[in-house]
Amino acid sequence: MKRLCQVFKSPKREEMYLYVDKARGLADVPEALLQQFGEPRAVMVLMLDPARKLARASAAEVLEKIEAQGFYLQMPPTEAELLRRDRADG
């Protein structure tokens, strides 16, 4: 299943993103989450299918969450993830 997605960045937390169906926009995102997320900043539109590679998330999982709840919230990396990333870069 392919879906045209819009990705928004949080102005409050580094590396926090919301993925939504482009046609629905932010309509399905709970108000409480939007308040914690901050004013969403659109950063990209992409055609997502389960085989697509994403940097920090499984495309299949993103699509499943959007289908089930209307959005996917990508949280910032944990300290352990940051350490692994630093070791891989260095």
N, C-alpha and C. Protein backbone atom coordinates (compact mmCIF):
# COMPACT_ATOMS: atom_id res chain seq x y z
N MET A 1 0.84 -1.17 0.00
CA MET A 1 0.00 0.00 0.00
C MET A 1 0.89 1.24 0.00
N LYS A 2 0.66 2.14 -0.93
CA LYS A 2 1.39 3.41 -0.99
C LYS A 2 0.52 4.51 -0.43
N ARG A 3 1.17 5.52 0.11
CA ARG A 3 0.42 6.65 0.67
C ARG A 3 1.28 7.91 0.53
N LEU A 4 0.66 8.99 0.10
CA LEU A 4 1.34 10.27 0.03
C LEU A 4 1.30 10.88 1.44
N CYS A 5 2.48 11.08 2.02
CA CYS A 5 2.58 11.55 3.40
C CYS A 5 3.20 12.94 3.48
N GLN A 6 2.76 13.68 4.46
CA GLN A 6 3.37 14.97 4.79
C GLN A 6 4.08 14.77 6.12
N VAL A 7 5.27 15.32 6.23
CA VAL A 7 6.06 15.20 7.45
C VAL A 7 6.22 16.59 8.06
N PHE A 8 5.97 16.67 9.36
CA PHE A 8 6.08 17.92 10.10
C PHE A 8 7.14 17.77 11.18
N LYS A 9 7.88 18.85 11.41
CA LYS A 9 8.92 18.88 12.45
C LYS A 9 8.40 19.67 13.64
N SER A 10 8.77 19.24 14.84
CA SER A 10 8.40 19.95 16.05
C SER A 10 9.39 21.08 16.31
N PRO A 11 8.88 22.27 16.62
CA PRO A 11 9.79 23.36 16.99
C PRO A 11 10.26 23.25 18.44
N LYS A 12 9.62 22.37 19.21
CA LYS A 12 9.93 22.24 20.63
C LYS A 12 10.98 21.19 20.94
N ARG A 13 11.01 20.13 20.13
CA ARG A 13 11.95 19.03 20.41
C ARG A 13 12.71 18.67 19.15
N GLU A 14 14.01 18.68 19.25
CA GLU A 14 14.90 18.31 18.16
C GLU A 14 14.61 16.86 17.74
N GLU A 15 14.52 16.62 16.45
CA GLU A 15 14.35 15.29 15.86
C GLU A 15 13.01 14.62 16.22
N MET A 16 11.99 15.41 16.48
CA MET A 16 10.64 14.86 16.67
C MET A 16 9.82 15.24 15.44
N TYR A 17 9.19 14.22 14.82
CA TYR A 17 8.45 14.43 13.58
C TYR A 17 7.09 13.76 13.63
N LEU A 18 6.12 14.35 12.94
CA LEU A 18 4.80 13.78 12.75
C LEU A 18 4.63 13.44 11.27
N TYR A 19 4.25 12.21 11.00
CA TYR A 19 3.92 11.78 9.64
C TYR A 19 2.40 11.65 9.56
N VAL A 20 1.79 12.24 8.53
CA VAL A 20 0.35 12.15 8.34
C VAL A 20 0.04 11.91 6.87
N ASP A 21 -1.18 11.44 6.61
CA ASP A 21 -1.65 11.34 5.23
C ASP A 21 -1.82 12.76 4.70
N LYS A 22 -1.22 13.06 3.56
CA LYS A 22 -1.25 14.44 3.04
C LYS A 22 -2.67 14.93 2.84
N ALA A 23 -3.56 14.07 2.36
CA ALA A 23 -4.94 14.48 2.10
C ALA A 23 -5.69 14.86 3.38
N ARG A 24 -5.36 14.22 4.49
CA ARG A 24 -6.05 14.47 5.78
C ARG A 24 -5.35 15.55 6.60
N GLY A 25 -4.07 15.74 6.34
CA GLY A 25 -3.33 16.73 7.10
C GLY A 25 -3.29 16.38 8.58
N LEU A 26 -3.44 17.37 9.42
CA LEU A 26 -3.35 17.19 10.87
C LEU A 26 -4.71 16.90 11.51
N ALA A 27 -5.73 16.66 10.71
CA ALA A 27 -7.10 16.48 11.22
C ALA A 27 -7.23 15.36 12.24
N ASP A 28 -6.43 14.29 12.12
CA ASP A 28 -6.55 13.14 13.01
C ASP A 28 -5.59 13.17 14.20
N VAL A 29 -4.79 14.22 14.30
CA VAL A 29 -3.82 14.32 15.40
C VAL A 29 -4.52 14.94 16.60
N PRO A 30 -4.48 14.26 17.75
CA PRO A 30 -5.16 14.79 18.95
C PRO A 30 -4.62 16.17 19.35
N GLU A 31 -5.52 17.02 19.81
CA GLU A 31 -5.15 18.38 20.20
C GLU A 31 -4.08 18.38 21.29
N ALA A 32 -4.19 17.45 22.24
CA ALA A 32 -3.19 17.38 23.33
C ALA A 32 -1.79 17.11 22.77
N LEU A 33 -1.70 16.26 21.77
CA LEU A 33 -0.40 15.97 21.15
C LEU A 33 0.12 17.21 20.42
N LEU A 34 -0.75 17.89 19.70
CA LEU A 34 -0.33 19.10 18.98
C LEU A 34 0.18 20.17 19.95
N GLN A 35 -0.42 20.28 21.13
CA GLN A 35 0.05 21.26 22.11
C GLN A 35 1.45 20.92 22.60
N GLN A 36 1.72 19.64 22.82
CA GLN A 36 3.06 19.22 23.26
C GLN A 36 4.06 19.31 22.11
N PHE A 37 3.60 19.04 20.90
CA PHE A 37 4.45 19.04 19.71
C PHE A 37 4.88 20.46 19.35
N GLY A 38 3.99 21.42 19.54
CA GLY A 38 4.26 22.79 19.12
C GLY A 38 3.69 23.03 17.73
N GLU A 39 3.83 24.23 17.22
CA GLU A 39 3.31 24.59 15.89
C GLU A 39 4.04 23.76 14.83
N PRO A 40 3.34 22.80 14.19
CA PRO A 40 4.01 21.92 13.22
C PRO A 40 4.60 22.70 12.04
N ARG A 41 5.81 22.34 11.69
CA ARG A 41 6.50 22.96 10.55
C ARG A 41 6.65 21.89 9.46
N ALA A 42 5.99 22.11 8.33
CA ALA A 42 6.07 21.16 7.21
C ALA A 42 7.50 21.11 6.69
N VAL A 43 8.04 19.89 6.58
CA VAL A 43 9.42 19.75 6.11
C VAL A 43 9.53 18.96 4.82
N MET A 44 8.55 18.06 4.55
CA MET A 44 8.62 17.32 3.29
C MET A 44 7.32 16.59 3.01
N VAL A 45 7.16 16.25 1.74
CA VAL A 45 6.08 15.39 1.28
C VAL A 45 6.76 14.23 0.57
N LEU A 46 6.34 13.00 0.88
CA LEU A 46 6.94 11.85 0.23
C LEU A 46 5.92 10.75 0.00
N MET A 47 6.14 10.01 -1.07
CA MET A 47 5.33 8.83 -1.34
C MET A 47 5.94 7.70 -0.54
N LEU A 48 5.15 7.15 0.36
CA LEU A 48 5.65 6.12 1.26
C LEU A 48 5.04 4.78 0.90
N ASP A 49 5.90 3.78 0.77
CA ASP A 49 5.44 2.39 0.60
C ASP A 49 6.28 1.53 1.54
N PRO A 50 5.81 0.32 1.88
CA PRO A 50 6.49 -0.49 2.88
C PRO A 50 7.97 -0.78 2.59
N ALA A 51 8.37 -0.76 1.33
CA ALA A 51 9.75 -1.08 0.97
C ALA A 51 10.69 0.12 1.06
N ARG A 52 10.15 1.30 1.21
CA ARG A 52 10.99 2.50 1.23
C ARG A 52 11.87 2.53 2.48
N LYS A 53 13.10 2.96 2.31
CA LYS A 53 14.03 3.10 3.44
C LYS A 53 13.85 4.48 4.07
N LEU A 54 13.71 4.47 5.38
CA LEU A 54 13.68 5.70 6.16
C LEU A 54 14.84 5.66 7.13
N ALA A 55 15.31 6.82 7.55
CA ALA A 55 16.50 6.89 8.40
C ALA A 55 16.29 6.23 9.77
N ARG A 56 15.16 6.49 10.42
CA ARG A 56 15.01 6.02 11.79
C ARG A 56 13.72 5.26 12.05
N ALA A 57 12.96 4.98 11.04
CA ALA A 57 11.68 4.29 11.26
C ALA A 57 11.46 3.27 10.16
N SER A 58 10.62 2.30 10.45
CA SER A 58 10.21 1.33 9.45
C SER A 58 9.05 1.93 8.66
N ALA A 59 9.18 2.00 7.35
CA ALA A 59 8.11 2.56 6.52
C ALA A 59 6.81 1.78 6.72
N ALA A 60 6.91 0.46 6.86
CA ALA A 60 5.71 -0.36 7.08
C ALA A 60 5.03 0.04 8.38
N GLU A 61 5.80 0.27 9.45
CA GLU A 61 5.22 0.69 10.72
C GLU A 61 4.58 2.07 10.62
N VAL A 62 5.23 2.98 9.93
CA VAL A 62 4.68 4.33 9.75
C VAL A 62 3.33 4.24 9.05
N LEU A 63 3.28 3.44 7.97
CA LEU A 63 2.02 3.28 7.23
C LEU A 63 0.93 2.64 8.09
N GLU A 64 1.30 1.65 8.88
CA GLU A 64 0.32 0.99 9.76
C GLU A 64 -0.26 1.97 10.77
N LYS A 65 0.59 2.78 11.37
CA LYS A 65 0.13 3.75 12.38
C LYS A 65 -0.77 4.81 11.74
N ILE A 66 -0.40 5.28 10.57
CA ILE A 66 -1.23 6.28 9.88
C ILE A 66 -2.59 5.68 9.56
N GLU A 67 -2.61 4.44 9.11
CA GLU A 67 -3.87 3.76 8.81
C GLU A 67 -4.73 3.60 10.06
N ALA A 68 -4.12 3.20 11.17
CA ALA A 68 -4.85 2.89 12.40
C ALA A 68 -5.28 4.13 13.18
N GLN A 69 -4.37 5.14 13.28
CA GLN A 69 -4.67 6.28 14.14
C GLN A 69 -4.62 7.63 13.45
N GLY A 70 -4.21 7.64 12.18
CA GLY A 70 -4.19 8.89 11.44
C GLY A 70 -2.87 9.64 11.46
N PHE A 71 -1.89 9.12 12.21
CA PHE A 71 -0.59 9.78 12.28
C PHE A 71 0.45 8.81 12.82
N TYR A 72 1.72 9.15 12.61
CA TYR A 72 2.84 8.43 13.22
C TYR A 72 3.73 9.49 13.86
N LEU A 73 4.05 9.31 15.12
CA LEU A 73 4.93 10.24 15.84
C LEU A 73 6.31 9.61 15.97
N GLN A 74 7.30 10.25 15.37
CA GLN A 74 8.69 9.79 15.50
C GLN A 74 9.34 10.59 16.62
N MET A 75 9.70 9.90 17.67
CA MET A 75 10.32 10.54 18.83
C MET A 75 11.81 10.77 18.58
N PRO A 76 12.41 11.70 19.32
CA PRO A 76 13.86 11.90 19.22
C PRO A 76 14.59 10.63 19.62
N PRO A 77 15.81 10.45 19.13
CA PRO A 77 16.57 9.25 19.50
C PRO A 77 16.90 9.22 20.99
N THR A 78 16.99 8.01 21.52
CA THR A 78 17.39 7.83 22.92
C THR A 78 18.90 8.06 23.03
N GLU A 79 19.40 8.14 24.25
CA GLU A 79 20.84 8.30 24.45
C GLU A 79 21.61 7.13 23.84
N ALA A 80 21.09 5.92 23.99
CA ALA A 80 21.75 4.73 23.43
C ALA A 80 21.81 4.82 21.91
N GLU A 81 20.74 5.28 21.29
CA GLU A 81 20.73 5.43 19.83
C GLU A 81 21.73 6.49 19.38
N LEU A 82 21.83 7.58 20.14
CA LEU A 82 22.80 8.62 19.82
C LEU A 82 24.23 8.11 19.93
N LEU A 83 24.51 7.31 20.97
CA LEU A 83 25.85 6.74 21.14
C LEU A 83 26.20 5.82 19.97
N ARG A 84 25.25 4.96 19.59
CA ARG A 84 25.49 4.07 18.44
C ARG A 84 25.74 4.87 17.16
N ARG A 85 24.95 5.93 16.98
CA ARG A 85 25.10 6.77 15.78
C ARG A 85 26.48 7.45 15.78
N ASP A 86 26.91 7.95 16.95
CA ASP A 86 28.22 8.61 17.04
C ASP A 86 29.35 7.62 16.73
N ARG A 87 29.23 6.39 17.24
CA ARG A 87 30.25 5.37 16.99
C ARG A 87 30.29 4.99 15.51
N ALA A 88 29.14 4.93 14.88
CA ALA A 88 29.08 4.57 13.46
C ALA A 88 29.69 5.69 12.60
N ASP A 89 29.52 6.94 13.05
CA ASP A 89 30.04 8.08 12.28
C ASP A 89 31.54 8.28 12.49
N GLY A 90 32.04 7.78 13.61
CA GLY A 90 33.36 8.18 13.97
C GLY A 90 34.47 7.26 13.89
